[in-house]
N, C-alpha and C. Protein backbone atom coordinates (compact mmCIF):
# COMPACT_ATOMS: atom_id res chain seq x y z
N MET A 1 10.93 19.60 29.42
CA MET A 1 9.43 20.20 28.79
C MET A 1 8.68 21.02 30.76
N THR A 2 8.24 20.24 31.13
CA THR A 2 7.32 20.53 32.13
C THR A 2 8.30 21.89 33.45
N ARG A 3 9.53 21.33 33.47
CA ARG A 3 10.08 22.20 33.85
C ARG A 3 10.99 23.72 32.68
N LEU A 4 10.19 24.02 31.50
CA LEU A 4 10.83 24.92 31.19
C LEU A 4 9.18 25.48 30.89
N ARG A 5 8.41 25.02 31.28
CA ARG A 5 6.82 25.52 31.53
C ARG A 5 6.05 25.22 30.00
N PHE A 6 6.78 24.25 29.37
CA PHE A 6 6.40 23.81 27.80
C PHE A 6 4.38 23.79 27.79
N ALA A 7 3.70 23.23 27.34
CA ALA A 7 2.48 23.85 27.17
C ALA A 7 2.36 21.66 26.75
N ARG A 8 1.20 21.19 27.65
CA ARG A 8 0.66 20.10 28.07
C ARG A 8 0.35 19.28 27.00
N ALA A 9 -0.32 20.13 25.47
CA ALA A 9 -0.15 19.56 24.22
C ALA A 9 1.19 19.73 23.42
N ASP A 10 2.75 20.52 24.14
CA ASP A 10 3.27 20.24 23.20
C ASP A 10 4.56 19.46 23.46
N ILE A 11 4.54 18.99 24.87
CA ILE A 11 5.33 17.90 25.56
C ILE A 11 4.43 16.74 24.58
N ASP A 12 3.49 16.36 24.42
CA ASP A 12 2.03 15.43 23.75
C ASP A 12 3.00 14.61 22.22
N ALA A 13 2.76 16.03 21.93
CA ALA A 13 3.20 15.65 20.55
C ALA A 13 4.64 15.21 20.54
N VAL A 14 5.82 16.48 21.25
CA VAL A 14 7.04 16.04 21.51
C VAL A 14 7.21 13.76 21.31
N LYS A 15 6.32 13.51 22.64
CA LYS A 15 6.16 12.33 22.99
C LYS A 15 5.85 11.58 21.78
N ALA A 16 5.04 11.27 21.54
CA ALA A 16 4.50 10.89 20.54
C ALA A 16 6.00 10.93 19.14
N LEU A 17 5.99 11.72 18.87
CA LEU A 17 6.90 11.99 18.18
C LEU A 17 8.96 11.07 18.16
N VAL A 18 8.81 10.88 19.29
CA VAL A 18 9.82 9.93 20.35
C VAL A 18 9.41 8.78 19.70
N HIS A 19 8.04 8.18 20.14
CA HIS A 19 8.16 7.52 20.25
C HIS A 19 8.02 6.57 19.12
N HIS A 20 7.52 7.28 17.86
CA HIS A 20 6.91 6.61 16.65
C HIS A 20 7.36 6.83 15.89
N HIS A 21 9.28 7.19 15.81
CA HIS A 21 10.51 7.94 15.14
C HIS A 21 11.33 6.58 14.04
N MET A 22 10.86 5.44 14.70
CA MET A 22 11.73 4.61 14.40
C MET A 22 10.40 3.02 13.62
N ARG A 23 9.51 3.94 13.39
CA ARG A 23 8.41 2.82 12.44
C ARG A 23 8.96 2.90 11.46
N PHE A 24 8.98 3.97 10.95
CA PHE A 24 9.01 4.56 9.20
C PHE A 24 10.69 4.02 9.21
N MET A 25 11.47 2.70 10.16
CA MET A 25 12.05 1.96 8.93
C MET A 25 11.58 1.37 8.29
N HIS A 26 10.23 0.16 9.07
CA HIS A 26 9.55 -0.67 8.58
C HIS A 26 8.28 0.04 7.52
N VAL A 27 8.31 0.67 7.19
CA VAL A 27 6.80 1.19 6.63
C VAL A 27 6.78 -0.13 4.90
N THR A 28 7.66 0.03 4.26
CA THR A 28 7.51 -0.71 3.33
C THR A 28 6.62 -2.35 3.46
N GLU A 29 7.82 -2.98 4.86
CA GLU A 29 6.80 -3.92 5.41
C GLU A 29 5.44 -3.69 5.58
N MET A 30 5.57 -2.77 6.12
CA MET A 30 3.93 -3.34 7.44
C MET A 30 2.06 -3.42 6.15
N ARG A 31 1.83 -4.53 7.05
CA ARG A 31 0.61 -4.66 6.63
C ARG A 31 0.09 -3.64 5.63
N PRO A 32 -1.22 -3.69 5.24
CA PRO A 32 -2.33 -2.53 4.67
C PRO A 32 -2.87 -1.91 5.82
N ASN A 33 -3.23 -2.41 6.76
CA ASN A 33 -4.23 -2.29 8.13
C ASN A 33 -3.08 -1.68 8.77
N LYS A 34 -1.86 -1.63 9.39
CA LYS A 34 -1.05 -0.58 9.93
C LYS A 34 -0.65 -0.21 9.17
N LEU A 35 -0.12 0.13 8.36
CA LEU A 35 0.52 1.41 7.02
C LEU A 35 -0.95 2.22 7.69
N LYS A 36 -2.09 2.16 6.90
CA LYS A 36 -3.17 3.04 7.02
C LYS A 36 -2.64 3.79 8.32
N ARG A 37 -3.27 2.61 9.69
CA ARG A 37 -2.77 3.15 11.26
C ARG A 37 -1.60 4.15 11.25
N PHE A 38 -0.62 3.91 10.69
CA PHE A 38 0.28 4.72 10.88
C PHE A 38 0.11 5.67 10.29
N LEU A 39 0.25 6.10 8.85
CA LEU A 39 0.09 7.15 7.99
C LEU A 39 -1.00 8.13 8.66
N ARG A 40 -2.56 7.98 9.94
CA ARG A 40 -3.69 8.75 10.17
C ARG A 40 -3.26 8.99 11.52
N ILE A 41 -1.61 8.58 11.94
CA ILE A 41 -2.09 9.34 13.17
C ILE A 41 -1.41 10.74 13.42
N ALA A 42 -2.07 11.34 14.69
CA ALA A 42 -1.76 12.88 15.29
C ALA A 42 -0.80 13.45 14.77
N ASP A 43 -1.00 13.95 13.73
CA ASP A 43 0.19 15.00 13.68
C ASP A 43 1.41 14.16 12.14
N PHE A 44 0.63 14.26 11.87
CA PHE A 44 1.67 12.80 10.94
C PHE A 44 2.22 14.11 9.72
N ASP A 45 2.21 14.91 9.79
CA ASP A 45 2.74 15.52 8.99
C ASP A 45 4.49 16.15 9.80
N LEU A 46 4.32 15.87 11.11
CA LEU A 46 5.32 16.58 12.08
C LEU A 46 6.05 15.15 12.15
N HIS A 47 5.54 14.10 12.00
CA HIS A 47 6.70 12.60 12.21
C HIS A 47 7.30 12.09 11.11
N LEU A 48 6.45 13.12 9.18
CA LEU A 48 7.05 12.78 8.32
C LEU A 48 8.26 13.36 8.70
N GLU A 49 8.21 15.37 8.57
CA GLU A 49 9.31 16.17 8.56
C GLU A 49 10.47 15.68 9.65
N LEU A 50 10.21 15.25 10.95
CA LEU A 50 11.49 14.51 11.51
C LEU A 50 11.62 13.59 10.73
N HIS A 51 11.08 12.64 10.42
CA HIS A 51 11.84 11.36 9.39
C HIS A 51 12.64 11.88 8.02
N ARG A 52 12.27 12.87 8.27
CA ARG A 52 12.91 13.48 6.32
C ARG A 52 14.25 14.12 6.85
N LEU A 53 14.53 15.23 8.32
CA LEU A 53 15.75 16.07 8.87
C LEU A 53 15.95 14.53 9.00
N ASP A 54 15.86 13.68 10.26
CA ASP A 54 16.58 12.90 10.34
C ASP A 54 17.27 12.07 9.30
N CYS A 55 16.63 11.49 8.59
CA CYS A 55 17.81 10.21 7.26
C CYS A 55 18.18 11.81 6.82
N ALA A 56 18.24 13.12 6.51
CA ALA A 56 18.69 14.15 5.39
C ALA A 56 20.32 13.99 6.70
N SER A 57 20.04 14.27 7.68
CA SER A 57 21.43 14.42 8.79
C SER A 57 22.08 13.39 8.88
N SER A 58 21.55 12.40 8.23
CA SER A 58 22.30 10.92 8.89
C SER A 58 22.61 10.49 7.67
N HIS A 59 21.67 9.23 6.91
CA HIS A 59 22.49 8.25 5.73
C HIS A 59 22.05 8.97 4.75
N GLY A 60 21.17 9.78 4.12
CA GLY A 60 20.54 10.52 2.97
C GLY A 60 20.39 9.53 2.69
N LYS A 61 19.21 8.70 2.98
CA LYS A 61 17.94 8.11 1.83
C LYS A 61 16.56 8.19 2.60
N LEU A 62 16.16 9.15 1.66
CA LEU A 62 14.75 9.12 2.00
C LEU A 62 14.08 8.34 1.07
N ASP A 63 14.45 7.16 0.75
CA ASP A 63 13.13 6.53 0.37
C ASP A 63 12.19 5.56 1.26
N ASN A 64 12.01 5.35 2.54
CA ASN A 64 10.33 5.72 3.58
C ASN A 64 9.69 6.48 3.69
N TYR A 65 10.64 7.99 3.56
CA TYR A 65 9.61 9.11 3.40
C TYR A 65 8.98 8.78 1.96
N ASP A 66 9.62 8.73 0.88
CA ASP A 66 9.53 8.88 -0.65
C ASP A 66 8.30 7.94 -0.61
N PHE A 67 8.13 6.67 0.32
CA PHE A 67 6.74 5.66 0.55
C PHE A 67 6.12 5.87 0.78
N CYS A 68 5.62 6.68 1.61
CA CYS A 68 4.44 7.41 2.85
C CYS A 68 3.82 9.07 2.72
N VAL A 69 5.10 9.50 1.64
CA VAL A 69 4.96 10.88 0.38
C VAL A 69 3.74 10.12 -0.60
N ALA A 70 4.22 9.10 -1.37
CA ALA A 70 3.68 8.64 -2.24
C ALA A 70 2.41 7.81 -1.55
N LYS A 71 2.37 7.52 -0.48
CA LYS A 71 1.18 6.67 -0.02
C LYS A 71 -0.18 7.25 0.00
N LEU A 72 0.53 8.33 1.00
CA LEU A 72 -0.65 9.53 1.14
C LEU A 72 -1.56 10.25 -0.06
N ALA A 73 -0.59 10.42 -0.89
CA ALA A 73 -1.38 10.43 -1.46
C ALA A 73 -2.14 9.72 -2.15
N GLU A 74 -1.65 8.48 -2.91
CA GLU A 74 -2.52 7.68 -3.29
C GLU A 74 -3.78 7.02 -3.15
N LEU A 75 -3.38 7.19 -0.93
CA LEU A 75 -4.68 7.08 -0.23
C LEU A 75 -5.47 7.65 -0.03
N GLY A 76 -6.79 7.90 -0.36
CA GLY A 76 -7.91 8.82 -0.37
C GLY A 76 -8.13 9.44 1.75
N GLU A 77 -8.35 10.16 1.88
CA GLU A 77 -8.60 10.29 3.44
C GLU A 77 -10.57 9.11 3.51
N GLU A 78 -10.32 8.69 2.44
CA GLU A 78 -12.01 7.50 2.82
C GLU A 78 -10.73 6.22 2.89
N GLU A 79 -10.16 6.43 2.56
CA GLU A 79 -9.78 4.60 2.87
C GLU A 79 -8.51 4.44 3.57
N LEU A 80 -7.82 5.62 4.57
CA LEU A 80 -7.49 6.11 5.65
C LEU A 80 -8.21 5.51 6.61
N ARG A 81 -9.18 6.58 6.52
CA ARG A 81 -10.39 6.81 7.82
C ARG A 81 -11.65 6.22 7.63
N PRO A 82 -11.76 4.99 6.68
CA PRO A 82 -13.27 4.81 6.22
C PRO A 82 -14.29 4.44 7.66
N PRO A 83 -15.58 5.09 7.14
CA PRO A 83 -16.34 4.54 8.22
C PRO A 83 -16.82 3.67 9.09
N PRO A 84 -17.22 3.04 9.95
CA PRO A 84 -17.19 2.10 9.85
C PRO A 84 -18.47 1.19 9.74
N LEU A 85 -17.72 0.07 9.73
CA LEU A 85 -18.99 -1.28 8.89
C LEU A 85 -19.62 -1.24 10.15
N LEU A 86 -19.17 -1.81 11.98
CA LEU A 86 -20.42 -2.17 12.19
C LEU A 86 -20.18 -1.51 13.84
N THR A 87 -20.77 -1.29 14.73
CA THR A 87 -20.58 -0.39 15.91
C THR A 87 -20.70 -1.42 17.05
N GLY A 88 -20.16 -0.49 18.52
CA GLY A 88 -21.40 -1.14 19.53
C GLY A 88 -22.14 -1.81 19.47
N ARG A 89 -23.31 -0.54 18.69
CA ARG A 89 -24.85 -1.19 19.15
C ARG A 89 -25.27 -2.01 17.62
N ASP A 90 -25.02 -2.43 16.84
CA ASP A 90 -25.00 -3.64 15.79
C ASP A 90 -24.09 -4.52 16.97
N LEU A 91 -23.51 -4.52 17.50
CA LEU A 91 -22.35 -6.29 18.12
C LEU A 91 -23.70 -6.89 19.08
N ILE A 92 -24.34 -5.62 19.88
CA ILE A 92 -25.64 -5.48 20.71
C ILE A 92 -26.37 -6.05 20.55
N ASP A 93 -27.41 -5.81 18.76
CA ASP A 93 -28.21 -6.31 17.91
C ASP A 93 -27.67 -7.43 17.46
N MET A 94 -26.30 -8.64 17.27
CA MET A 94 -25.90 -9.41 17.28
C MET A 94 -26.33 -10.02 18.20
N GLY A 95 -26.58 -9.76 19.72
CA GLY A 95 -26.40 -10.76 20.87
C GLY A 95 -25.33 -10.26 21.76
N PHE A 96 -24.19 -9.39 21.37
CA PHE A 96 -23.40 -9.18 22.65
C PHE A 96 -23.33 -8.93 23.66
N GLU A 97 -22.60 -9.25 24.44
CA GLU A 97 -22.74 -8.64 26.28
C GLU A 97 -22.11 -7.73 25.87
N PRO A 98 -22.50 -5.82 26.12
CA PRO A 98 -20.81 -5.21 26.02
C PRO A 98 -20.18 -5.32 27.47
N GLY A 99 -18.62 -4.64 26.76
CA GLY A 99 -17.25 -4.86 27.34
C GLY A 99 -16.18 -5.17 26.81
N PRO A 100 -15.24 -5.74 27.40
CA PRO A 100 -13.77 -5.42 26.53
C PRO A 100 -13.67 -6.20 25.45
N VAL A 101 -14.70 -7.59 25.19
CA VAL A 101 -14.52 -8.02 23.62
C VAL A 101 -14.98 -7.15 22.66
N PHE A 102 -16.04 -5.80 23.05
CA PHE A 102 -16.02 -5.26 21.45
C PHE A 102 -15.04 -4.01 21.11
N SER A 103 -13.92 -3.99 21.84
CA SER A 103 -13.01 -3.28 21.50
C SER A 103 -12.15 -4.31 20.32
N GLU A 104 -11.81 -5.61 21.04
CA GLU A 104 -11.28 -6.61 20.22
C GLU A 104 -12.03 -6.86 18.46
N ILE A 105 -13.33 -6.83 18.97
CA ILE A 105 -14.00 -7.22 17.71
C ILE A 105 -13.74 -5.73 16.61
N ILE A 106 -14.11 -4.29 17.09
CA ILE A 106 -14.53 -3.21 16.82
C ILE A 106 -12.94 -3.63 15.68
N THR A 107 -11.57 -3.89 15.97
CA THR A 107 -10.56 -2.85 15.60
C THR A 107 -10.27 -4.52 14.86
N ALA A 108 -10.77 -6.22 15.42
CA ALA A 108 -10.40 -6.24 14.28
C ALA A 108 -11.35 -6.40 12.74
N VAL A 109 -12.40 -5.70 13.13
CA VAL A 109 -13.16 -5.12 11.80
C VAL A 109 -13.01 -4.53 10.85
N GLU A 110 -12.03 -3.96 11.53
CA GLU A 110 -11.52 -2.40 10.84
C GLU A 110 -10.46 -2.97 10.01
N ASP A 111 -9.66 -3.93 11.05
CA ASP A 111 -8.53 -4.56 10.01
C ASP A 111 -8.82 -4.79 8.58
N ALA A 112 -9.60 -5.86 9.04
CA ALA A 112 -9.80 -6.59 7.31
C ALA A 112 -10.35 -5.34 6.85
N GLN A 113 -11.65 -4.01 7.01
CA GLN A 113 -11.75 -3.30 6.27
C GLN A 113 -10.55 -2.47 5.90
N LEU A 114 -9.34 -2.15 6.46
CA LEU A 114 -7.98 -1.51 6.18
C LEU A 114 -7.55 -2.22 4.72
N ASP A 115 -8.20 -4.11 5.87
CA ASP A 115 -6.80 -4.29 4.59
C ASP A 115 -7.65 -4.73 3.05
N GLY A 116 -8.85 -4.19 2.67
CA GLY A 116 -9.41 -4.66 2.19
C GLY A 116 -9.56 -6.22 1.37
N ARG A 117 -9.81 -6.46 2.57
CA ARG A 117 -10.71 -8.35 2.45
C ARG A 117 -12.04 -8.03 3.05
N ILE A 118 -12.64 -6.94 3.39
CA ILE A 118 -13.80 -7.07 3.68
C ILE A 118 -14.21 -5.42 3.26
N SER A 119 -16.03 -4.69 3.23
CA SER A 119 -15.95 -3.85 2.43
C SER A 119 -18.09 -3.31 3.34
N THR A 120 -18.73 -3.98 3.37
CA THR A 120 -19.60 -3.98 3.57
C THR A 120 -20.14 -4.44 4.93
N ARG A 121 -21.41 -4.19 5.27
CA ARG A 121 -21.54 -4.28 6.63
C ARG A 121 -21.96 -5.88 7.25
N GLN A 122 -22.68 -6.49 6.33
CA GLN A 122 -22.52 -7.98 6.01
C GLN A 122 -22.01 -8.68 6.20
N GLU A 123 -20.24 -8.81 5.27
CA GLU A 123 -19.03 -9.58 5.63
C GLU A 123 -18.81 -9.34 6.49
N ALA A 124 -18.39 -7.48 6.98
CA ALA A 124 -18.01 -7.79 8.65
C ALA A 124 -19.27 -8.76 10.18
N GLN A 125 -20.42 -8.63 9.24
CA GLN A 125 -20.93 -9.35 10.50
C GLN A 125 -20.69 -10.54 10.20
N ALA A 126 -20.33 -11.16 8.84
CA ALA A 126 -20.20 -12.95 8.54
C ALA A 126 -18.82 -12.71 9.11
N LEU A 127 -17.44 -12.30 9.26
CA LEU A 127 -16.31 -12.03 9.69
C LEU A 127 -16.59 -12.26 11.96
N VAL A 128 -17.14 -11.41 12.25
CA VAL A 128 -17.80 -11.55 13.53
C VAL A 128 -18.33 -13.40 13.79
N ARG A 129 -19.58 -13.57 13.85
CA ARG A 129 -19.91 -14.26 13.29
C ARG A 129 -18.73 -16.00 13.29
N GLU A 130 -18.25 -15.70 12.04
CA GLU A 130 -16.92 -17.12 12.38
C GLU A 130 -16.24 -16.59 13.58
N ARG A 131 -15.94 -15.81 13.64
CA ARG A 131 -14.55 -15.65 14.19
C ARG A 131 -14.62 -15.00 16.45
N TRP A 132 -15.87 -15.10 16.20
CA TRP A 132 -16.93 -15.20 17.47
C TRP A 132 -17.85 -16.19 17.90
N GLY A 133 -18.91 -16.38 16.43
CA GLY A 133 -19.62 -17.94 17.28
C GLY A 133 -21.17 -16.61 17.10
N ARG A 134 -22.09 -17.39 16.85
CA ARG A 134 -23.22 -16.53 17.24
C ARG A 134 -23.61 -16.66 18.38
N ARG A 135 -24.27 -15.64 18.73
CA ARG A 135 -24.73 -15.08 19.97
C ARG A 135 -26.74 -15.08 19.90
């Protein structure tokens, strides 16, 4: 694609389509946080259409396609991309030193939020204290 002078954005989009195309076979088994993260990847509509075309041209089974379409209709934007319960500033206020652990903590909090295990700032702080200790 570079040799054919495609735009960098187009090349990146095609790379992502190739990278993610096999993930559809596991969508019904994904935990809620993993499924929601998958459904919100950039250009998901392109991924979904590629999956539909791939299935239609091979085995004809659209179960996983239909599952994703139904989940997208069921889950609103707020459930796919909820506002963060904690920020780096909150972690500093809790006594944590800025560093690589911030990303780990923020991801764990978002996973718990996407799974429906926590929904408030206080629950997020309790999760952090339980897992990473008091600072």
